[in-house]
Amino acid sequence: GVIKGGLGSAVLEFMADNGYAPQVKRIGVPDEFVEHGS
């Protein structure tokens, strides 16, 4: 799904709220128009 406000964002919030500081790379659909395709 969309990367902004998705799972990765929730994981980042959880880590910050609980004092963890891992480097987090979020992969997902960008917040921009995505061309049609298979």
PDB file of all heavy atoms in Angstrom:
ATOM      1  N   GLY A   1       0.837  -1.188   0.000  1.00  0.00           N
ATOM      2  CA  GLY A   1       0.000   0.000   0.000  1.00  0.00           C
ATOM      3  C   GLY A   1       0.875   1.242   0.000  1.00  0.00           C
ATOM      4  O   GLY A   1       2.093   1.173  -0.159  1.00  0.00           O
ATOM      5  N   VAL A   2       0.249   2.382   0.197  1.00  0.00           N
ATOM      6  CA  VAL A   2       0.956   3.660   0.204  1.00  0.00           C
ATOM      7  C   VAL A   2       1.913   3.718   1.387  1.00  0.00           C
ATOM      8  O   VAL A   2       1.564   3.353   2.507  1.00  0.00           O
ATOM      9  CB  VAL A   2      -0.050   4.835   0.252  1.00  0.00           C
ATOM     10  CG1 VAL A   2       0.674   6.164   0.244  1.00  0.00           C
ATOM     11  CG2 VAL A   2      -1.013   4.754  -0.923  1.00  0.00           C
ATOM     12  N   ILE A   3       3.111   4.179   1.113  1.00  0.00           N
ATOM     13  CA  ILE A   3       4.167   4.185   2.125  1.00  0.00           C
ATOM     14  C   ILE A   3       3.904   5.195   3.249  1.00  0.00           C
ATOM     15  O   ILE A   3       4.178   4.916   4.414  1.00  0.00           O
ATOM     16  CB  ILE A   3       5.531   4.434   1.452  1.00  0.00           C
ATOM     17  CG1 ILE A   3       6.656   4.040   2.378  1.00  0.00           C
ATOM     18  CG2 ILE A   3       5.673   5.843   0.987  1.00  0.00           C
ATOM     19  CD1 ILE A   3       7.993   3.972   1.700  1.00  0.00           C
ATOM     20  N   LYS A   4       3.348   6.357   2.902  1.00  0.00           N
ATOM     21  CA  LYS A   4       3.083   7.377   3.919  1.00  0.00           C
ATOM     22  C   LYS A   4       1.853   6.987   4.731  1.00  0.00           C
ATOM     23  O   LYS A   4       0.780   6.786   4.187  1.00  0.00           O
ATOM     24  CB  LYS A   4       2.890   8.748   3.271  1.00  0.00           C
ATOM     25  CG  LYS A   4       4.173   9.304   2.710  1.00  0.00           C
ATOM     26  CD  LYS A   4       4.012  10.727   2.247  1.00  0.00           C
ATOM     27  CE  LYS A   4       5.358  11.257   1.772  1.00  0.00           C
ATOM     28  NZ  LYS A   4       5.264  12.645   1.340  1.00  0.00           N
ATOM     29  N   GLY A   5       2.051   6.888   6.031  1.00  0.00           N
ATOM     30  CA  GLY A   5       0.947   6.533   6.910  1.00  0.00           C
ATOM     31  C   GLY A   5       0.656   5.046   6.965  1.00  0.00           C
ATOM     32  O   GLY A   5      -0.341   4.628   7.520  1.00  0.00           O
ATOM     33  N   GLY A   6       1.549   4.243   6.428  1.00  0.00           N
ATOM     34  CA  GLY A   6       1.332   2.798   6.395  1.00  0.00           C
ATOM     35  C   GLY A   6       2.058   2.068   7.505  1.00  0.00           C
ATOM     36  O   GLY A   6       2.382   2.632   8.557  1.00  0.00           O
ATOM     37  N   LEU A   7       2.344   0.811   7.264  1.00  0.00           N
ATOM     38  CA  LEU A   7       3.005  -0.052   8.246  1.00  0.00           C
ATOM     39  C   LEU A   7       4.344   0.519   8.683  1.00  0.00           C
ATOM     40  O   LEU A   7       4.636   0.579   9.884  1.00  0.00           O
ATOM     41  CB  LEU A   7       3.205  -1.454   7.656  1.00  0.00           C
ATOM     42  CG  LEU A   7       4.085  -2.398   8.474  1.00  0.00           C
ATOM     43  CD1 LEU A   7       3.386  -2.771   9.771  1.00  0.00           C
ATOM     44  CD2 LEU A   7       4.435  -3.632   7.683  1.00  0.00           C
ATOM     45  N   GLY A   8       5.166   0.941   7.718  1.00  0.00           N
ATOM     46  CA  GLY A   8       6.476   1.472   8.070  1.00  0.00           C
ATOM     47  C   GLY A   8       6.383   2.676   8.981  1.00  0.00           C
ATOM     48  O   GLY A   8       7.161   2.816   9.929  1.00  0.00           O
ATOM     49  N   SER A   9       5.431   3.545   8.718  1.00  0.00           N
ATOM     50  CA  SER A   9       5.230   4.713   9.573  1.00  0.00           C
ATOM     51  C   SER A   9       4.822   4.293  10.983  1.00  0.00           C
ATOM     52  O   SER A   9       5.305   4.850  11.973  1.00  0.00           O
ATOM     53  CB  SER A   9       4.160   5.631   8.974  1.00  0.00           C
ATOM     54  OG  SER A   9       4.578   6.132   7.733  1.00  0.00           O
ATOM     55  N   ALA A  10       3.953   3.306  11.071  1.00  0.00           N
ATOM     56  CA  ALA A  10       3.517   2.810  12.382  1.00  0.00           C
ATOM     57  C   ALA A  10       4.687   2.185  13.140  1.00  0.00           C
ATOM     58  O   ALA A  10       4.819   2.367  14.359  1.00  0.00           O
ATOM     59  CB  ALA A  10       2.380   1.811  12.217  1.00  0.00           C
ATOM     60  N   VAL A  11       5.540   1.468  12.436  1.00  0.00           N
ATOM     61  CA  VAL A  11       6.722   0.865  13.076  1.00  0.00           C
ATOM     62  C   VAL A  11       7.650   1.968  13.575  1.00  0.00           C
ATOM     63  O   VAL A  11       8.152   1.910  14.703  1.00  0.00           O
ATOM     64  CB  VAL A  11       7.447  -0.094  12.106  1.00  0.00           C
ATOM     65  CG1 VAL A  11       8.807  -0.503  12.655  1.00  0.00           C
ATOM     66  CG2 VAL A  11       6.588  -1.327  11.835  1.00  0.00           C
ATOM     67  N   LEU A  12       7.876   2.997  12.754  1.00  0.00           N
ATOM     68  CA  LEU A  12       8.715   4.121  13.180  1.00  0.00           C
ATOM     69  C   LEU A  12       8.153   4.797  14.432  1.00  0.00           C
ATOM     70  O   LEU A  12       8.892   5.121  15.361  1.00  0.00           O
ATOM     71  CB  LEU A  12       8.828   5.148  12.050  1.00  0.00           C
ATOM     72  CG  LEU A  12       9.831   4.837  10.955  1.00  0.00           C
ATOM     73  CD1 LEU A  12       9.630   5.768   9.762  1.00  0.00           C
ATOM     74  CD2 LEU A  12      11.245   4.956  11.473  1.00  0.00           C
ATOM     75  N   GLU A  13       6.851   5.020  14.452  1.00  0.00           N
ATOM     76  CA  GLU A  13       6.218   5.642  15.619  1.00  0.00           C
ATOM     77  C   GLU A  13       6.401   4.770  16.858  1.00  0.00           C
ATOM     78  O   GLU A  13       6.734   5.270  17.936  1.00  0.00           O
ATOM     79  CB  GLU A  13       4.730   5.867  15.365  1.00  0.00           C
ATOM     80  CG  GLU A  13       4.438   6.975  14.392  1.00  0.00           C
ATOM     81  CD  GLU A  13       2.949   7.127  14.128  1.00  0.00           C
ATOM     82  OE1 GLU A  13       2.124   6.649  14.939  1.00  0.00           O
ATOM     83  OE2 GLU A  13       2.594   7.726  13.105  1.00  0.00           O
ATOM     84  N   PHE A  14       6.182   3.473  16.708  1.00  0.00           N
ATOM     85  CA  PHE A  14       6.343   2.569  17.839  1.00  0.00           C
ATOM     86  C   PHE A  14       7.769   2.617  18.374  1.00  0.00           C
ATOM     87  O   PHE A  14       7.986   2.710  19.584  1.00  0.00           O
ATOM     88  CB  PHE A  14       5.983   1.126  17.451  1.00  0.00           C
ATOM     89  CG  PHE A  14       6.186   0.154  18.570  1.00  0.00           C
ATOM     90  CD1 PHE A  14       5.169  -0.089  19.474  1.00  0.00           C
ATOM     91  CD2 PHE A  14       7.401  -0.489  18.740  1.00  0.00           C
ATOM     92  CE1 PHE A  14       5.357  -0.969  20.532  1.00  0.00           C
ATOM     93  CE2 PHE A  14       7.605  -1.367  19.795  1.00  0.00           C
ATOM     94  CZ  PHE A  14       6.578  -1.613  20.691  1.00  0.00           C
ATOM     95  N   MET A  15       8.738   2.563  17.464  1.00  0.00           N
ATOM     96  CA  MET A  15      10.137   2.578  17.888  1.00  0.00           C
ATOM     97  C   MET A  15      10.464   3.874  18.624  1.00  0.00           C
ATOM     98  O   MET A  15      11.085   3.854  19.688  1.00  0.00           O
ATOM     99  CB  MET A  15      11.061   2.387  16.674  1.00  0.00           C
ATOM    100  CG  MET A  15      10.937   1.043  16.001  1.00  0.00           C
ATOM    101  SD  MET A  15      11.416  -0.319  17.096  1.00  0.00           S
ATOM    102  CE  MET A  15      10.838  -1.718  16.137  1.00  0.00           C
ATOM    103  N   ALA A  16      10.039   5.005  18.076  1.00  0.00           N
ATOM    104  CA  ALA A  16      10.305   6.303  18.713  1.00  0.00           C
ATOM    105  C   ALA A  16       9.620   6.400  20.070  1.00  0.00           C
ATOM    106  O   ALA A  16      10.226   6.859  21.054  1.00  0.00           O
ATOM    107  CB  ALA A  16       9.841   7.432  17.802  1.00  0.00           C
ATOM    108  N   ASP A  17       8.377   5.959  20.156  1.00  0.00           N
ATOM    109  CA  ASP A  17       7.625   6.047  21.407  1.00  0.00           C
ATOM    110  C   ASP A  17       8.192   5.159  22.503  1.00  0.00           C
ATOM    111  O   ASP A  17       7.944   5.388  23.686  1.00  0.00           O
ATOM    112  CB  ASP A  17       6.151   5.667  21.180  1.00  0.00           C
ATOM    113  CG  ASP A  17       5.393   6.702  20.367  1.00  0.00           C
ATOM    114  OD1 ASP A  17       5.919   7.815  20.153  1.00  0.00           O
ATOM    115  OD2 ASP A  17       4.266   6.380  19.920  1.00  0.00           O
ATOM    116  N   ASN A  18       8.953   4.140  22.105  1.00  0.00           N
ATOM    117  CA  ASN A  18       9.476   3.191  23.088  1.00  0.00           C
ATOM    118  C   ASN A  18      10.994   3.262  23.247  1.00  0.00           C
ATOM    119  O   ASN A  18      11.599   2.378  23.855  1.00  0.00           O
ATOM    120  CB  ASN A  18       9.037   1.770  22.706  1.00  0.00           C
ATOM    121  CG  ASN A  18       7.557   1.583  22.952  1.00  0.00           C
ATOM    122  OD1 ASN A  18       7.136   1.352  24.081  1.00  0.00           O
ATOM    123  ND2 ASN A  18       6.753   1.719  21.907  1.00  0.00           N
ATOM    124  N   GLY A  19      11.610   4.318  22.720  1.00  0.00           N
ATOM    125  CA  GLY A  19      13.028   4.559  22.943  1.00  0.00           C
ATOM    126  C   GLY A  19      13.978   3.715  22.108  1.00  0.00           C
ATOM    127  O   GLY A  19      15.157   3.626  22.429  1.00  0.00           O
ATOM    128  N   TYR A  20      13.485   3.118  21.035  1.00  0.00           N
ATOM    129  CA  TYR A  20      14.352   2.363  20.135  1.00  0.00           C
ATOM    130  C   TYR A  20      14.736   3.275  18.981  1.00  0.00           C
ATOM    131  O   TYR A  20      13.978   4.155  18.606  1.00  0.00           O
ATOM    132  CB  TYR A  20      13.638   1.119  19.591  1.00  0.00           C
ATOM    133  CG  TYR A  20      13.118   0.191  20.670  1.00  0.00           C
ATOM    134  CD1 TYR A  20      11.758  -0.042  20.803  1.00  0.00           C
ATOM    135  CD2 TYR A  20      13.982  -0.449  21.546  1.00  0.00           C
ATOM    136  CE1 TYR A  20      11.268  -0.899  21.778  1.00  0.00           C
ATOM    137  CE2 TYR A  20      13.502  -1.303  22.527  1.00  0.00           C
ATOM    138  CZ  TYR A  20      12.144  -1.521  22.639  1.00  0.00           C
ATOM    139  OH  TYR A  20      11.668  -2.365  23.606  1.00  0.00           O
ATOM    140  N   ALA A  21      15.911   3.029  18.408  1.00  0.00           N
ATOM    141  CA  ALA A  21      16.351   3.899  17.318  1.00  0.00           C
ATOM    142  C   ALA A  21      16.977   3.120  16.161  1.00  0.00           C
ATOM    143  O   ALA A  21      18.069   3.454  15.709  1.00  0.00           O
ATOM    144  CB  ALA A  21      17.336   4.925  17.852  1.00  0.00           C
ATOM    145  N   PRO A  22      16.288   2.102  15.658  1.00  0.00           N
ATOM    146  CA  PRO A  22      16.874   1.408  14.508  1.00  0.00           C
ATOM    147  C   PRO A  22      16.770   2.278  13.256  1.00  0.00           C
ATOM    148  O   PRO A  22      15.923   3.166  13.166  1.00  0.00           O
ATOM    149  CB  PRO A  22      15.995   0.166  14.354  1.00  0.00           C
ATOM    150  CG  PRO A  22      14.661   0.598  14.861  1.00  0.00           C
ATOM    151  CD  PRO A  22      14.973   1.550  16.002  1.00  0.00           C
ATOM    152  N   GLN A  23      17.645   2.014  12.306  1.00  0.00           N
ATOM    153  CA  GLN A  23      17.524   2.629  10.987  1.00  0.00           C
ATOM    154  C   GLN A  23      16.392   1.877  10.295  1.00  0.00           C
ATOM    155  O   GLN A  23      16.417   0.648  10.228  1.00  0.00           O
ATOM    156  CB  GLN A  23      18.829   2.460  10.218  1.00  0.00           C
ATOM    157  CG  GLN A  23      18.777   2.981   8.818  1.00  0.00           C
ATOM    158  CD  GLN A  23      20.046   2.628   8.042  1.00  0.00           C
ATOM    159  OE1 GLN A  23      21.006   2.103   8.575  1.00  0.00           O
ATOM    160  NE2 GLN A  23      20.020   2.923   6.766  1.00  0.00           N
ATOM    161  N   VAL A  24      15.378   2.583   9.822  1.00  0.00           N
ATOM    162  CA  VAL A  24      14.222   1.940   9.196  1.00  0.00           C
ATOM    163  C   VAL A  24      14.121   2.378   7.745  1.00  0.00           C
ATOM    164  O   VAL A  24      14.110   3.570   7.450  1.00  0.00           O
ATOM    165  CB  VAL A  24      12.906   2.277   9.936  1.00  0.00           C
ATOM    166  CG1 VAL A  24      11.711   1.637   9.246  1.00  0.00           C
ATOM    167  CG2 VAL A  24      12.984   1.828  11.400  1.00  0.00           C
ATOM    168  N   LYS A  25      14.054   1.404   6.856  1.00  0.00           N
ATOM    169  CA  LYS A  25      13.836   1.655   5.432  1.00  0.00           C
ATOM    170  C   LYS A  25      12.429   1.185   5.112  1.00  0.00           C
ATOM    171  O   LYS A  25      12.079   0.028   5.336  1.00  0.00           O
ATOM    172  CB  LYS A  25      14.862   0.879   4.590  1.00  0.00           C
ATOM    173  CG  LYS A  25      14.593   0.920   3.092  1.00  0.00           C
ATOM    174  CD  LYS A  25      14.715   2.323   2.541  1.00  0.00           C
ATOM    175  CE  LYS A  25      14.449   2.318   1.028  1.00  0.00           C
ATOM    176  NZ  LYS A  25      14.442   3.638   0.472  1.00  0.00           N
ATOM    177  N   ARG A  26      11.599   2.109   4.612  1.00  0.00           N
ATOM    178  CA  ARG A  26      10.232   1.767   4.244  1.00  0.00           C
ATOM    179  C   ARG A  26      10.139   1.570   2.742  1.00  0.00           C
ATOM    180  O   ARG A  26      10.592   2.419   1.978  1.00  0.00           O
ATOM    181  CB  ARG A  26       9.283   2.879   4.679  1.00  0.00           C
ATOM    182  CG  ARG A  26       9.259   3.085   6.189  1.00  0.00           C
ATOM    183  CD  ARG A  26       8.415   4.269   6.607  1.00  0.00           C
ATOM    184  NE  ARG A  26       8.914   5.487   5.957  1.00  0.00           N
ATOM    185  CZ  ARG A  26       8.136   6.479   5.548  1.00  0.00           C
ATOM    186  NH1 ARG A  26       6.835   6.432   5.703  1.00  0.00           N
ATOM    187  NH2 ARG A  26       8.668   7.543   4.979  1.00  0.00           N
ATOM    188  N   ILE A  27       9.561   0.465   2.325  1.00  0.00           N
ATOM    189  CA  ILE A  27       9.355   0.174   0.914  1.00  0.00           C
ATOM    190  C   ILE A  27       7.858   0.013   0.693  1.00  0.00           C
ATOM    191  O   ILE A  27       7.196  -0.730   1.422  1.00  0.00           O
ATOM    192  CB  ILE A  27      10.101  -1.104   0.495  1.00  0.00           C
ATOM    193  CG1 ILE A  27      11.622  -0.929   0.696  1.00  0.00           C
ATOM    194  CG2 ILE A  27       9.784  -1.469  -0.957  1.00  0.00           C
ATOM    195  CD1 ILE A  27      12.420  -2.191   0.471  1.00  0.00           C
ATOM    196  N   GLY A  28       7.336   0.721  -0.293  1.00  0.00           N
ATOM    197  CA  GLY A  28       5.910   0.648  -0.604  1.00  0.00           C
ATOM    198  C   GLY A  28       5.584   1.562  -1.765  1.00  0.00           C
ATOM    199  O   GLY A  28       6.464   2.085  -2.451  1.00  0.00           O
ATOM    200  N   VAL A  29       4.321   1.782  -1.979  1.00  0.00           N
ATOM    201  CA  VAL A  29       3.862   2.629  -3.076  1.00  0.00           C
ATOM    202  C   VAL A  29       4.113   4.090  -2.704  1.00  0.00           C
ATOM    203  O   VAL A  29       3.685   4.542  -1.638  1.00  0.00           O
ATOM    204  CB  VAL A  29       2.359   2.394  -3.354  1.00  0.00           C
ATOM    205  CG1 VAL A  29       1.869   3.294  -4.477  1.00  0.00           C
ATOM    206  CG2 VAL A  29       2.092   0.922  -3.683  1.00  0.00           C
ATOM    207  N   PRO A  30       4.816   4.835  -3.557  1.00  0.00           N
ATOM    208  CA  PRO A  30       5.101   6.238  -3.236  1.00  0.00           C
ATOM    209  C   PRO A  30       3.833   7.089  -3.279  1.00  0.00           C
ATOM    210  O   PRO A  30       2.838   6.715  -3.890  1.00  0.00           O
ATOM    211  CB  PRO A  30       6.089   6.653  -4.331  1.00  0.00           C
ATOM    212  CG  PRO A  30       5.828   5.730  -5.470  1.00  0.00           C
ATOM    213  CD  PRO A  30       5.363   4.439  -4.863  1.00  0.00           C
ATOM    214  N   ASP A  31       3.916   8.251  -2.643  1.00  0.00           N
ATOM    215  CA  ASP A  31       2.795   9.176  -2.586  1.00  0.00           C
ATOM    216  C   ASP A  31       2.797  10.054  -3.844  1.00  0.00           C
ATOM    217  O   ASP A  31       2.997  11.269  -3.787  1.00  0.00           O
ATOM    218  CB  ASP A  31       2.887  10.035  -1.326  1.00  0.00           C
ATOM    219  CG  ASP A  31       1.629  10.834  -1.075  1.00  0.00           C
ATOM    220  OD1 ASP A  31       0.567  10.443  -1.584  1.00  0.00           O
ATOM    221  OD2 ASP A  31       1.713  11.851  -0.373  1.00  0.00           O
ATOM    222  N   GLU A  32       2.639   9.405  -4.982  1.00  0.00           N
ATOM    223  CA  GLU A  32       2.624  10.102  -6.271  1.00  0.00           C
ATOM    224  C   GLU A  32       1.894   9.213  -7.275  1.00  0.00           C
ATOM    225  O   GLU A  32       1.634   8.043  -7.010  1.00  0.00           O
ATOM    226  CB  GLU A  32       4.042  10.382  -6.758  1.00  0.00           C
ATOM    227  CG  GLU A  32       4.893   9.135  -6.893  1.00  0.00           C
ATOM    228  CD  GLU A  32       6.369   9.424  -7.128  1.00  0.00           C
ATOM    229  OE1 GLU A  32       6.932  10.239  -6.390  1.00  0.00           O
ATOM    230  OE2 GLU A  32       6.923   8.820  -8.045  1.00  0.00           O
ATOM    231  N   PHE A  33       1.593   9.780  -8.427  1.00  0.00           N
ATOM    232  CA  PHE A  33       0.902   9.009  -9.455  1.00  0.00           C
ATOM    233  C   PHE A  33       1.808   7.889  -9.946  1.00  0.00           C
ATOM    234  O   PHE A  33       2.964   8.108 -10.275  1.00  0.00           O
ATOM    235  CB  PHE A  33       0.500   9.903 -10.627  1.00  0.00           C
ATOM    236  CG  PHE A  33      -0.233   9.169 -11.705  1.00  0.00           C
ATOM    237  CD1 PHE A  33      -1.567   8.823 -11.557  1.00  0.00           C
ATOM    238  CD2 PHE A  33       0.421   8.773 -12.866  1.00  0.00           C
ATOM    239  CE1 PHE A  33      -2.241   8.123 -12.541  1.00  0.00           C
ATOM    240  CE2 PHE A  33      -0.249   8.088 -13.867  1.00  0.00           C
ATOM    241  CZ  PHE A  33      -1.584   7.758 -13.701  1.00  0.00           C
ATOM    242  N   VAL A  34       1.269   6.675  -9.989  1.00  0.00           N
ATOM    243  CA  VAL A  34       2.005   5.516 -10.487  1.00  0.00           C
ATOM    244  C   VAL A  34       1.359   5.090 -11.798  1.00  0.00           C
ATOM    245  O   VAL A  34       0.143   4.920 -11.873  1.00  0.00           O
ATOM    246  CB  VAL A  34       1.974   4.348  -9.468  1.00  0.00           C
ATOM    247  CG1 VAL A  34       2.697   3.132 -10.019  1.00  0.00           C
ATOM    248  CG2 VAL A  34       2.574   4.781  -8.133  1.00  0.00           C
ATOM    249  N   GLU A  35       2.187   4.947 -12.825  1.00  0.00           N
ATOM    250  CA  GLU A  35       1.700   4.551 -14.146  1.00  0.00           C
ATOM    251  C   GLU A  35       0.969   3.211 -14.079  1.00  0.00           C
ATOM    252  O   GLU A  35       1.156   2.440 -13.141  1.00  0.00           O
ATOM    253  CB  GLU A  35       2.870   4.434 -15.124  1.00  0.00           C
ATOM    254  CG  GLU A  35       3.591   5.734 -15.391  1.00  0.00           C
ATOM    255  CD  GLU A  35       2.767   6.731 -16.167  1.00  0.00           C
ATOM    256  OE1 GLU A  35       1.894   6.338 -16.968  1.00  0.00           O
ATOM    257  OE2 GLU A  35       2.993   7.939 -15.968  1.00  0.00           O
ATOM    258  N   HIS A  36       0.181   2.938 -15.097  1.00  0.00           N
ATOM    259  CA  HIS A  36      -0.496   1.655 -15.207  1.00  0.00           C
ATOM    260  C   HIS A  36       0.485   0.620 -15.719  1.00  0.00           C
ATOM    261  O   HIS A  36       1.432   0.937 -16.427  1.00  0.00           O
ATOM    262  CB  HIS A  36      -1.694   1.751 -16.165  1.00  0.00           C
ATOM    263  CG  HIS A  36      -2.789   2.607 -15.640  1.00  0.00           C
ATOM    264  ND1 HIS A  36      -3.705   2.153 -14.739  1.00  0.00           N
ATOM    265  CD2 HIS A  36      -3.093   3.903 -15.874  1.00  0.00           C
ATOM    266  CE1 HIS A  36      -4.549   3.131 -14.450  1.00  0.00           C
ATOM    267  NE2 HIS A  36      -4.186   4.210 -15.129  1.00  0.00           N
ATOM    268  N   GLY A  37       0.250  -0.636 -15.352  1.00  0.00           N
ATOM    269  CA  GLY A  37       1.095  -1.717 -15.828  1.00  0.00           C
ATOM    270  C   GLY A  37       0.713  -3.009 -15.149  1.00  0.00           C
ATOM    271  O   GLY A  37      -0.197  -3.057 -14.317  1.00  0.00           O
ATOM    272  N   SER A  38       1.419  -4.049 -15.488  1.00  0.00           N
ATOM    273  CA  SER A  38       1.179  -5.345 -14.843  1.00  0.00           C
ATOM    274  C   SER A  38       1.685  -5.274 -13.403  1.00  0.00           C
ATOM    275  O   SER A  38       2.480  -4.396 -13.047  1.00  0.00           O
ATOM    276  CB  SER A  38       1.912  -6.455 -15.604  1.00  0.00           C
ATOM    277  OG  SER A  38       3.320  -6.295 -15.446  1.00  0.00           O
TER     278      SER A  38
END
